[in-house]
Amino acid sequence: MISDGGLILSKSVEGAVNTGFSDQATTSNGENATWKLLLNNTLSTQVVSPVIFDDISKLNGNSDFITKLTGPIEVSKGAVVEYSKDATSSNNGS
């Protein structure tokens, strides 16, 4: 099978206990964690305005885990980021 490539999304996290970004981190309520999302286009064509939705309100299925934006969101030039505490999909939330 010959593939034209794809969109590859990787997510890494750094918690208060561990140093360096990986696929797992340890932190407790009141401590910080930092997430990185990287979207890599390996298609032979340009992808215009992709939408990525990440619900971090239920970490490992635990809805009691408190999440709060405490710092700036850094993005590549031209990217648009929206943050919502109540969104359940990419097209709702306040």
PDB file of N, CA and C in Angstrom:
ATOM      1  N   MET A   1       0.848  -1.174   0.000  1.00  0.00           N
ATOM      2  CA  MET A   1       0.000   0.000   0.000  1.00  0.00           C
ATOM      3  C   MET A   1       0.891   1.234   0.000  1.00  0.00           C
ATOM      4  N   ILE A   2       0.582   2.166  -0.845  1.00  0.00           N
ATOM      5  CA  ILE A   2       1.317   3.429  -0.901  1.00  0.00           C
ATOM      6  C   ILE A   2       0.467   4.491  -0.224  1.00  0.00           C
ATOM      7  N   SER A   3       1.080   5.198   0.709  1.00  0.00           N
ATOM      8  CA  SER A   3       0.353   6.225   1.447  1.00  0.00           C
ATOM      9  C   SER A   3       0.868   7.597   1.054  1.00  0.00           C
ATOM     10  N   ASP A   4      -0.025   8.556   1.057  1.00  0.00           N
ATOM     11  CA  ASP A   4       0.336   9.935   0.755  1.00  0.00           C
ATOM     12  C   ASP A   4       0.808  10.658   2.009  1.00  0.00           C
ATOM     13  N   GLY A   5       0.876   9.986   3.148  1.00  0.00           N
ATOM     14  CA  GLY A   5       1.250  10.620   4.409  1.00  0.00           C
ATOM     15  C   GLY A   5       0.031  10.814   5.275  1.00  0.00           C
ATOM     16  N   GLY A   6       0.094  11.765   6.155  1.00  0.00           N
ATOM     17  CA  GLY A   6      -1.024  12.020   7.043  1.00  0.00           C
ATOM     18  C   GLY A   6      -0.727  13.189   7.952  1.00  0.00           C
ATOM     19  N   LEU A   7      -1.663  13.458   8.827  1.00  0.00           N
ATOM     20  CA  LEU A   7      -1.464  14.449   9.881  1.00  0.00           C
ATOM     21  C   LEU A   7      -1.097  13.692  11.142  1.00  0.00           C
ATOM     22  N   ILE A   8       0.022  14.038  11.723  1.00  0.00           N
ATOM     23  CA  ILE A   8       0.492  13.352  12.919  1.00  0.00           C
ATOM     24  C   ILE A   8       0.430  14.330  14.082  1.00  0.00           C
ATOM     25  N   LEU A   9      -0.387  14.009  15.075  1.00  0.00           N
ATOM     26  CA  LEU A   9      -0.531  14.855  16.259  1.00  0.00           C
ATOM     27  C   LEU A   9       0.126  14.149  17.432  1.00  0.00           C
ATOM     28  N   SER A  10       1.064  14.827  18.050  1.00  0.00           N
ATOM     29  CA  SER A  10       1.691  14.262  19.246  1.00  0.00           C
ATOM     30  C   SER A  10       1.435  15.196  20.423  1.00  0.00           C
ATOM     31  N   LYS A  11       1.253  14.601  21.582  1.00  0.00           N
ATOM     32  CA  LYS A  11       0.969  15.355  22.804  1.00  0.00           C
ATOM     33  C   LYS A  11       1.949  14.884  23.862  1.00  0.00           C
ATOM     34  N   SER A  12       2.594  15.826  24.511  1.00  0.00           N
ATOM     35  CA  SER A  12       3.487  15.480  25.611  1.00  0.00           C
ATOM     36  C   SER A  12       3.184  16.383  26.791  1.00  0.00           C
ATOM     37  N   VAL A  13       3.587  15.947  27.971  1.00  0.00           N
ATOM     38  CA  VAL A  13       3.251  16.666  29.197  1.00  0.00           C
ATOM     39  C   VAL A  13       4.444  16.641  30.138  1.00  0.00           C
ATOM     40  N   GLU A  14       4.567  17.705  30.904  1.00  0.00           N
ATOM     41  CA  GLU A  14       5.585  17.789  31.947  1.00  0.00           C
ATOM     42  C   GLU A  14       4.876  18.177  33.230  1.00  0.00           C
ATOM     43  N   GLY A  15       5.039  17.384  34.272  1.00  0.00           N
ATOM     44  CA  GLY A  15       4.378  17.640  35.547  1.00  0.00           C
ATOM     45  C   GLY A  15       5.329  18.219  36.575  1.00  0.00           C
ATOM     46  N   ALA A  16       4.796  18.507  37.750  1.00  0.00           N
ATOM     47  CA  ALA A  16       5.597  19.107  38.817  1.00  0.00           C
ATOM     48  C   ALA A  16       6.652  18.145  39.352  1.00  0.00           C
ATOM     49  N   VAL A  17       6.400  16.845  39.258  1.00  0.00           N
ATOM     50  CA  VAL A  17       7.312  15.852  39.821  1.00  0.00           C
ATOM     51  C   VAL A  17       8.398  15.449  38.820  1.00  0.00           C
ATOM     52  N   ASN A  18       8.026  15.309  37.551  1.00  0.00           N
ATOM     53  CA  ASN A  18       9.004  14.878  36.543  1.00  0.00           C
ATOM     54  C   ASN A  18       9.585  16.080  35.808  1.00  0.00           C
ATOM     55  N   THR A  19      10.756  15.932  35.257  1.00  0.00           N
ATOM     56  CA  THR A  19      11.347  16.984  34.436  1.00  0.00           C
ATOM     57  C   THR A  19      11.483  16.468  33.022  1.00  0.00           C
ATOM     58  N   GLY A  20      11.228  17.325  32.079  1.00  0.00           N
ATOM     59  CA  GLY A  20      11.256  16.932  30.680  1.00  0.00           C
ATOM     60  C   GLY A  20       9.892  16.442  30.222  1.00  0.00           C
ATOM     61  N   PHE A  21       9.587  16.669  28.975  1.00  0.00           N
ATOM     62  CA  PHE A  21       8.297  16.275  28.414  1.00  0.00           C
ATOM     63  C   PHE A  21       8.308  14.811  28.008  1.00  0.00           C
ATOM     64  N   SER A  22       7.197  14.112  28.296  1.00  0.00           N
ATOM     65  CA  SER A  22       7.026  12.717  27.909  1.00  0.00           C
ATOM     66  C   SER A  22       5.541  12.453  27.731  1.00  0.00           C
ATOM     67  N   ASP A  23       5.173  11.181  27.545  1.00  0.00           N
ATOM     68  CA  ASP A  23       3.758  10.854  27.359  1.00  0.00           C
ATOM     69  C   ASP A  23       3.013  10.711  28.681  1.00  0.00           C
ATOM     70  N   GLN A  24       3.719  10.783  29.817  1.00  0.00           N
ATOM     71  CA  GLN A  24       3.089  10.713  31.136  1.00  0.00           C
ATOM     72  C   GLN A  24       3.774  11.693  32.074  1.00  0.00           C
ATOM     73  N   ALA A  25       3.021  12.204  33.037  1.00  0.00           N
ATOM     74  CA  ALA A  25       3.586  13.117  34.026  1.00  0.00           C
ATOM     75  C   ALA A  25       2.867  12.929  35.347  1.00  0.00           C
ATOM     76  N   THR A  26       3.513  13.374  36.404  1.00  0.00           N
ATOM     77  CA  THR A  26       2.922  13.280  37.734  1.00  0.00           C
ATOM     78  C   THR A  26       2.799  14.672  38.328  1.00  0.00           C
ATOM     79  N   THR A  27       1.605  14.979  38.807  1.00  0.00           N
ATOM     80  CA  THR A  27       1.353  16.240  39.486  1.00  0.00           C
ATOM     81  C   THR A  27       0.167  16.045  40.417  1.00  0.00           C
ATOM     82  N   SER A  28      -0.060  16.976  41.289  1.00  0.00           N
ATOM     83  CA  SER A  28      -1.188  16.923  42.225  1.00  0.00           C
ATOM     84  C   SER A  28      -1.989  18.200  42.085  1.00  0.00           C
ATOM     85  N   ASN A  29      -3.204  18.200  42.629  1.00  0.00           N
ATOM     86  CA  ASN A  29      -4.001  19.429  42.618  1.00  0.00           C
ATOM     87  C   ASN A  29      -3.203  20.549  43.250  1.00  0.00           C
ATOM     88  N   GLY A  30      -3.224  21.708  42.608  1.00  0.00           N
ATOM     89  CA  GLY A  30      -2.471  22.855  43.084  1.00  0.00           C
ATOM     90  C   GLY A  30      -1.090  22.974  42.471  1.00  0.00           C
ATOM     91  N   GLU A  31      -0.615  21.919  41.810  1.00  0.00           N
ATOM     92  CA  GLU A  31       0.680  21.962  41.136  1.00  0.00           C
ATOM     93  C   GLU A  31       0.464  22.145  39.635  1.00  0.00           C
ATOM     94  N   ASN A  32       1.491  22.589  38.957  1.00  0.00           N
ATOM     95  CA  ASN A  32       1.389  22.862  37.525  1.00  0.00           C
ATOM     96  C   ASN A  32       1.773  21.669  36.676  1.00  0.00           C
ATOM     97  N   ALA A  33       1.180  21.618  35.498  1.00  0.00           N
ATOM     98  CA  ALA A  33       1.573  20.690  34.442  1.00  0.00           C
ATOM     99  C   ALA A  33       1.540  21.484  33.140  1.00  0.00           C
ATOM    100  N   THR A  34       2.419  21.150  32.239  1.00  0.00           N
ATOM    101  CA  THR A  34       2.493  21.850  30.960  1.00  0.00           C
ATOM    102  C   THR A  34       2.340  20.838  29.830  1.00  0.00           C
ATOM    103  N   TRP A  35       1.453  21.150  28.873  1.00  0.00           N
ATOM    104  CA  TRP A  35       1.212  20.276  27.732  1.00  0.00           C
ATOM    105  C   TRP A  35       1.799  20.895  26.478  1.00  0.00           C
ATOM    106  N   LYS A  36       2.259  20.041  25.588  1.00  0.00           N
ATOM    107  CA  LYS A  36       2.694  20.458  24.257  1.00  0.00           C
ATOM    108  C   LYS A  36       1.952  19.624  23.233  1.00  0.00           C
ATOM    109  N   LEU A  37       1.416  20.289  22.234  1.00  0.00           N
ATOM    110  CA  LEU A  37       0.804  19.608  21.092  1.00  0.00           C
ATOM    111  C   LEU A  37       1.613  19.972  19.856  1.00  0.00           C
ATOM    112  N   LEU A  38       1.940  18.979  19.061  1.00  0.00           N
ATOM    113  CA  LEU A  38       2.689  19.207  17.838  1.00  0.00           C
ATOM    114  C   LEU A  38       1.953  18.517  16.696  1.00  0.00           C
ATOM    115  N   LEU A  39       1.591  19.294  15.695  1.00  0.00           N
ATOM    116  CA  LEU A  39       0.914  18.757  14.510  1.00  0.00           C
ATOM    117  C   LEU A  39       1.897  18.786  13.349  1.00  0.00           C
ATOM    118  N   ASN A  40       2.146  17.613  12.778  1.00  0.00           N
ATOM    119  CA  ASN A  40       3.089  17.489  11.676  1.00  0.00           C
ATOM    120  C   ASN A  40       2.342  16.994  10.439  1.00  0.00           C
ATOM    121  N   ASN A  41       2.414  17.759   9.369  1.00  0.00           N
ATOM    122  CA  ASN A  41       1.749  17.404   8.123  1.00  0.00           C
ATOM    123  C   ASN A  41       2.743  16.673   7.222  1.00  0.00           C
ATOM    124  N   THR A  42       2.530  15.395   7.012  1.00  0.00           N
ATOM    125  CA  THR A  42       3.371  14.627   6.094  1.00  0.00           C
ATOM    126  C   THR A  42       2.652  14.350   4.772  1.00  0.00           C
ATOM    127  N   LEU A  43       1.526  15.023   4.569  1.00  0.00           N
ATOM    128  CA  LEU A  43       0.805  14.902   3.303  1.00  0.00           C
ATOM    129  C   LEU A  43       1.539  15.688   2.222  1.00  0.00           C
ATOM    130  N   SER A  44       1.271  15.378   0.986  1.00  0.00           N
ATOM    131  CA  SER A  44       1.878  16.118  -0.117  1.00  0.00           C
ATOM    132  C   SER A  44       1.119  17.402  -0.431  1.00  0.00           C
ATOM    133  N   THR A  45       0.024  17.628   0.293  1.00  0.00           N
ATOM    134  CA  THR A  45      -0.768  18.839   0.100  1.00  0.00           C
ATOM    135  C   THR A  45      -0.856  19.618   1.407  1.00  0.00           C
ATOM    136  N   GLN A  46      -1.109  20.902   1.281  1.00  0.00           N
ATOM    137  CA  GLN A  46      -1.254  21.762   2.447  1.00  0.00           C
ATOM    138  C   GLN A  46      -2.602  21.514   3.124  1.00  0.00           C
ATOM    139  N   VAL A  47      -2.609  21.510   4.443  1.00  0.00           N
ATOM    140  CA  VAL A  47      -3.850  21.404   5.209  1.00  0.00           C
ATOM    141  C   VAL A  47      -4.160  22.799   5.735  1.00  0.00           C
ATOM    142  N   VAL A  48      -5.348  23.294   5.409  1.00  0.00           N
ATOM    143  CA  VAL A  48      -5.732  24.647   5.788  1.00  0.00           C
ATOM    144  C   VAL A  48      -6.714  24.593   6.954  1.00  0.00           C
ATOM    145  N   SER A  49      -6.410  25.309   8.004  1.00  0.00           N
ATOM    146  CA  SER A  49      -7.287  25.485   9.170  1.00  0.00           C
ATOM    147  C   SER A  49      -7.717  24.174   9.836  1.00  0.00           C
ATOM    148  N   PRO A  50      -6.787  23.316  10.212  1.00  0.00           N
ATOM    149  CA  PRO A  50      -7.192  22.108  10.949  1.00  0.00           C
ATOM    150  C   PRO A  50      -7.747  22.492  12.320  1.00  0.00           C
ATOM    151  N   VAL A  51      -8.663  21.697  12.830  1.00  0.00           N
ATOM    152  CA  VAL A  51      -9.252  21.923  14.144  1.00  0.00           C
ATOM    153  C   VAL A  51      -8.831  20.770  15.043  1.00  0.00           C
ATOM    154  N   ILE A  52      -8.243  21.111  16.184  1.00  0.00           N
ATOM    155  CA  ILE A  52      -7.812  20.112  17.162  1.00  0.00           C
ATOM    156  C   ILE A  52      -8.544  20.421  18.460  1.00  0.00           C
ATOM    157  N   PHE A  53      -9.198  19.420  19.023  1.00  0.00           N
ATOM    158  CA  PHE A  53      -9.920  19.594  20.292  1.00  0.00           C
ATOM    159  C   PHE A  53      -9.300  18.674  21.326  1.00  0.00           C
ATOM    160  N   ASP A  54      -8.941  19.236  22.472  1.00  0.00           N
ATOM    161  CA  ASP A  54      -8.320  18.452  23.540  1.00  0.00           C
ATOM    162  C   ASP A  54      -9.065  18.739  24.840  1.00  0.00           C
ATOM    163  N   ASP A  55      -9.762  17.752  25.368  1.00  0.00           N
ATOM    164  CA  ASP A  55     -10.504  17.902  26.621  1.00  0.00           C
ATOM    165  C   ASP A  55      -9.637  17.368  27.754  1.00  0.00           C
ATOM    166  N   ILE A  56      -9.016  18.280  28.498  1.00  0.00           N
ATOM    167  CA  ILE A  56      -8.169  17.851  29.613  1.00  0.00           C
ATOM    168  C   ILE A  56      -8.905  17.929  30.946  1.00  0.00           C
ATOM    169  N   SER A  57     -10.227  18.113  30.901  1.00  0.00           N
ATOM    170  CA  SER A  57     -10.982  18.226  32.153  1.00  0.00           C
ATOM    171  C   SER A  57     -11.171  16.880  32.844  1.00  0.00           C
ATOM    172  N   LYS A  58     -10.939  15.793  32.141  1.00  0.00           N
ATOM    173  CA  LYS A  58     -11.095  14.459  32.721  1.00  0.00           C
ATOM    174  C   LYS A  58      -9.816  13.671  32.487  1.00  0.00           C
ATOM    175  N   LEU A  59      -8.807  13.961  33.254  1.00  0.00           N
ATOM    176  CA  LEU A  59      -7.535  13.257  33.121  1.00  0.00           C
ATOM    177  C   LEU A  59      -7.686  11.833  33.635  1.00  0.00           C
ATOM    178  N   ASN A  60      -7.375  10.867  32.787  1.00  0.00           N
ATOM    179  CA  ASN A  60      -7.530   9.448  33.119  1.00  0.00           C
ATOM    180  C   ASN A  60      -8.932   9.123  33.615  1.00  0.00           C
ATOM    181  N   GLY A  61      -9.934   9.811  33.079  1.00  0.00           N
ATOM    182  CA  GLY A  61     -11.320   9.573  33.467  1.00  0.00           C
ATOM    183  C   GLY A  61     -11.705  10.207  34.790  1.00  0.00           C
ATOM    184  N   ASN A  62     -10.794  10.976  35.399  1.00  0.00           N
ATOM    185  CA  ASN A  62     -11.042  11.583  36.707  1.00  0.00           C
ATOM    186  C   ASN A  62     -11.555  13.003  36.528  1.00  0.00           C
ATOM    187  N   SER A  63     -12.863  13.207  36.642  1.00  0.00           N
ATOM    188  CA  SER A  63     -13.428  14.536  36.462  1.00  0.00           C
ATOM    189  C   SER A  63     -13.234  15.410  37.695  1.00  0.00           C
ATOM    190  N   ASP A  64     -12.683  14.863  38.789  1.00  0.00           N
ATOM    191  CA  ASP A  64     -12.421  15.660  39.989  1.00  0.00           C
ATOM    192  C   ASP A  64     -11.095  16.408  39.891  1.00  0.00           C
ATOM    193  N   PHE A  65     -10.303  16.110  38.880  1.00  0.00           N
ATOM    194  CA  PHE A  65      -9.014  16.771  38.717  1.00  0.00           C
ATOM    195  C   PHE A  65      -9.268  18.196  38.241  1.00  0.00           C
ATOM    196  N   ILE A  66      -8.749  19.172  38.938  1.00  0.00           N
ATOM    197  CA  ILE A  66      -9.002  20.575  38.632  1.00  0.00           C
ATOM    198  C   ILE A  66      -7.994  21.065  37.595  1.00  0.00           C
ATOM    199  N   THR A  67      -8.493  21.627  36.502  1.00  0.00           N
ATOM    200  CA  THR A  67      -7.616  22.203  35.493  1.00  0.00           C
ATOM    201  C   THR A  67      -7.891  23.698  35.405  1.00  0.00           C
ATOM    202  N   LYS A  68      -6.823  24.476  35.290  1.00  0.00           N
ATOM    203  CA  LYS A  68      -6.956  25.928  35.215  1.00  0.00           C
ATOM    204  C   LYS A  68      -5.797  26.463  34.384  1.00  0.00           C
ATOM    205  N   LEU A  69      -6.109  27.313  33.434  1.00  0.00           N
ATOM    206  CA  LEU A  69      -5.083  27.942  32.628  1.00  0.00           C
ATOM    207  C   LEU A  69      -4.358  28.972  33.483  1.00  0.00           C
ATOM    208  N   THR A  70      -3.043  28.796  33.647  1.00  0.00           N
ATOM    209  CA  THR A  70      -2.280  29.705  34.513  1.00  0.00           C
ATOM    210  C   THR A  70      -1.189  30.462  33.770  1.00  0.00           C
ATOM    211  N   GLY A  71      -1.039  30.224  32.501  1.00  0.00           N
ATOM    212  CA  GLY A  71       0.002  30.908  31.746  1.00  0.00           C
ATOM    213  C   GLY A  71      -0.411  31.101  30.314  1.00  0.00           C
ATOM    214  N   PRO A  72       0.456  31.728  29.543  1.00  0.00           N
ATOM    215  CA  PRO A  72       0.117  31.992  28.145  1.00  0.00           C
ATOM    216  C   PRO A  72       0.105  30.707  27.316  1.00  0.00           C
ATOM    217  N   ILE A  73      -0.690  30.743  26.265  1.00  0.00           N
ATOM    218  CA  ILE A  73      -0.679  29.675  25.273  1.00  0.00           C
ATOM    219  C   ILE A  73       0.208  30.155  24.137  1.00  0.00           C
ATOM    220  N   GLU A  74       1.262  29.421  23.847  1.00  0.00           N
ATOM    221  CA  GLU A  74       2.198  29.811  22.799  1.00  0.00           C
ATOM    222  C   GLU A  74       1.908  28.995  21.547  1.00  0.00           C
ATOM    223  N   VAL A  75       1.775  29.683  20.419  1.00  0.00           N
ATOM    224  CA  VAL A  75       1.430  29.007  19.166  1.00  0.00           C
ATOM    225  C   VAL A  75       2.312  29.511  18.034  1.00  0.00           C
ATOM    226  N   SER A  76       2.323  28.748  16.971  1.00  0.00           N
ATOM    227  CA  SER A  76       3.043  29.143  15.766  1.00  0.00           C
ATOM    228  C   SER A  76       2.326  30.311  15.109  1.00  0.00           C
ATOM    229  N   LYS A  77       3.060  31.064  14.317  1.00  0.00           N
ATOM    230  CA  LYS A  77       2.500  32.206  13.595  1.00  0.00           C
ATOM    231  C   LYS A  77       1.314  31.759  12.741  1.00  0.00           C
ATOM    232  N   GLY A  78       0.221  32.483  12.847  1.00  0.00           N
ATOM    233  CA  GLY A  78      -0.967  32.185  12.064  1.00  0.00           C
ATOM    234  C   GLY A  78      -1.946  31.239  12.731  1.00  0.00           C
ATOM    235  N   ALA A  79      -1.533  30.587  13.820  1.00  0.00           N
ATOM    236  CA  ALA A  79      -2.429  29.654  14.512  1.00  0.00           C
ATOM    237  C   ALA A  79      -3.389  30.422  15.422  1.00  0.00           C
ATOM    238  N   VAL A  80      -4.569  29.869  15.613  1.00  0.00           N
ATOM    239  CA  VAL A  80      -5.568  30.453  16.499  1.00  0.00           C
ATOM    240  C   VAL A  80      -5.885  29.419  17.570  1.00  0.00           C
ATOM    241  N   VAL A  81      -5.858  29.835  18.830  1.00  0.00           N
ATOM    242  CA  VAL A  81      -6.168  28.942  19.938  1.00  0.00           C
ATOM    243  C   VAL A  81      -7.327  29.534  20.725  1.00  0.00           C
ATOM    244  N   GLU A  82      -8.275  28.693  21.074  1.00  0.00           N
ATOM    245  CA  GLU A  82      -9.383  29.090  21.930  1.00  0.00           C
ATOM    246  C   GLU A  82      -9.360  28.213  23.161  1.00  0.00           C
ATOM    247  N   TYR A  83      -9.648  28.801  24.307  1.00  0.00           N
ATOM    248  CA  TYR A  83      -9.649  28.078  25.583  1.00  0.00           C
ATOM    249  C   TYR A  83     -11.033  28.204  26.203  1.00  0.00           C
ATOM    250  N   SER A  84     -11.588  27.084  26.649  1.00  0.00           N
ATOM    251  CA  SER A  84     -12.902  27.087  27.282  1.00  0.00           C
ATOM    252  C   SER A  84     -12.900  26.107  28.430  1.00  0.00           C
ATOM    253  N   LYS A  85     -13.524  26.471  29.532  1.00  0.00           N
ATOM    254  CA  LYS A  85     -13.619  25.569  30.675  1.00  0.00           C
ATOM    255  C   LYS A  85     -14.816  24.634  30.556  1.00  0.00           C
ATOM    256  N   ASP A  86     -15.735  24.898  29.613  1.00  0.00           N
ATOM    257  CA  ASP A  86     -16.959  24.091  29.559  1.00  0.00           C
ATOM    258  C   ASP A  86     -17.219  23.459  28.190  1.00  0.00           C
ATOM    259  N   ALA A  87     -16.283  23.530  27.276  1.00  0.00           N
ATOM    260  CA  ALA A  87     -16.497  22.949  25.947  1.00  0.00           C
ATOM    261  C   ALA A  87     -16.491  21.420  26.021  1.00  0.00           C
ATOM    262  N   THR A  88     -17.370  20.806  25.274  1.00  0.00           N
ATOM    263  CA  THR A  88     -17.391  19.344  25.159  1.00  0.00           C
ATOM    264  C   THR A  88     -17.060  18.896  23.749  1.00  0.00           C
ATOM    265  N   SER A  89     -16.896  19.857  22.825  1.00  0.00           N
ATOM    266  CA  SER A  89     -16.467  19.564  21.460  1.00  0.00           C
ATOM    267  C   SER A  89     -15.812  20.829  20.908  1.00  0.00           C
ATOM    268  N   SER A  90     -15.310  20.741  19.699  1.00  0.00           N
ATOM    269  CA  SER A  90     -14.605  21.886  19.106  1.00  0.00           C
ATOM    270  C   SER A  90     -15.532  23.020  18.680  1.00  0.00           C
ATOM    271  N   ASN A  91     -16.845  22.807  18.726  1.00  0.00           N
ATOM    272  CA  ASN A  91     -17.749  23.866  18.269  1.00  0.00           C
ATOM    273  C   ASN A  91     -18.726  24.343  19.341  1.00  0.00           C
ATOM    274  N   ASN A  92     -18.375  24.159  20.621  1.00  0.00           N
ATOM    275  CA  ASN A  92     -19.222  24.721  21.668  1.00  0.00           C
ATOM    276  C   ASN A  92     -18.341  25.213  22.819  1.00  0.00           C
ATOM    277  N   GLY A  93     -18.945  25.712  23.854  1.00  0.00           N
ATOM    278  CA  GLY A  93     -18.203  26.235  25.003  1.00  0.00           C
ATOM    279  C   GLY A  93     -18.192  27.746  25.003  1.00  0.00           C
ATOM    280  N   SER A  94     -17.880  28.285  26.153  1.00  0.00           N
ATOM    281  CA  SER A  94     -17.866  29.758  26.271  1.00  0.00           C
ATOM    282  C   SER A  94     -16.442  30.263  26.367  1.00  0.00           C
TER     283      SER A  94
END
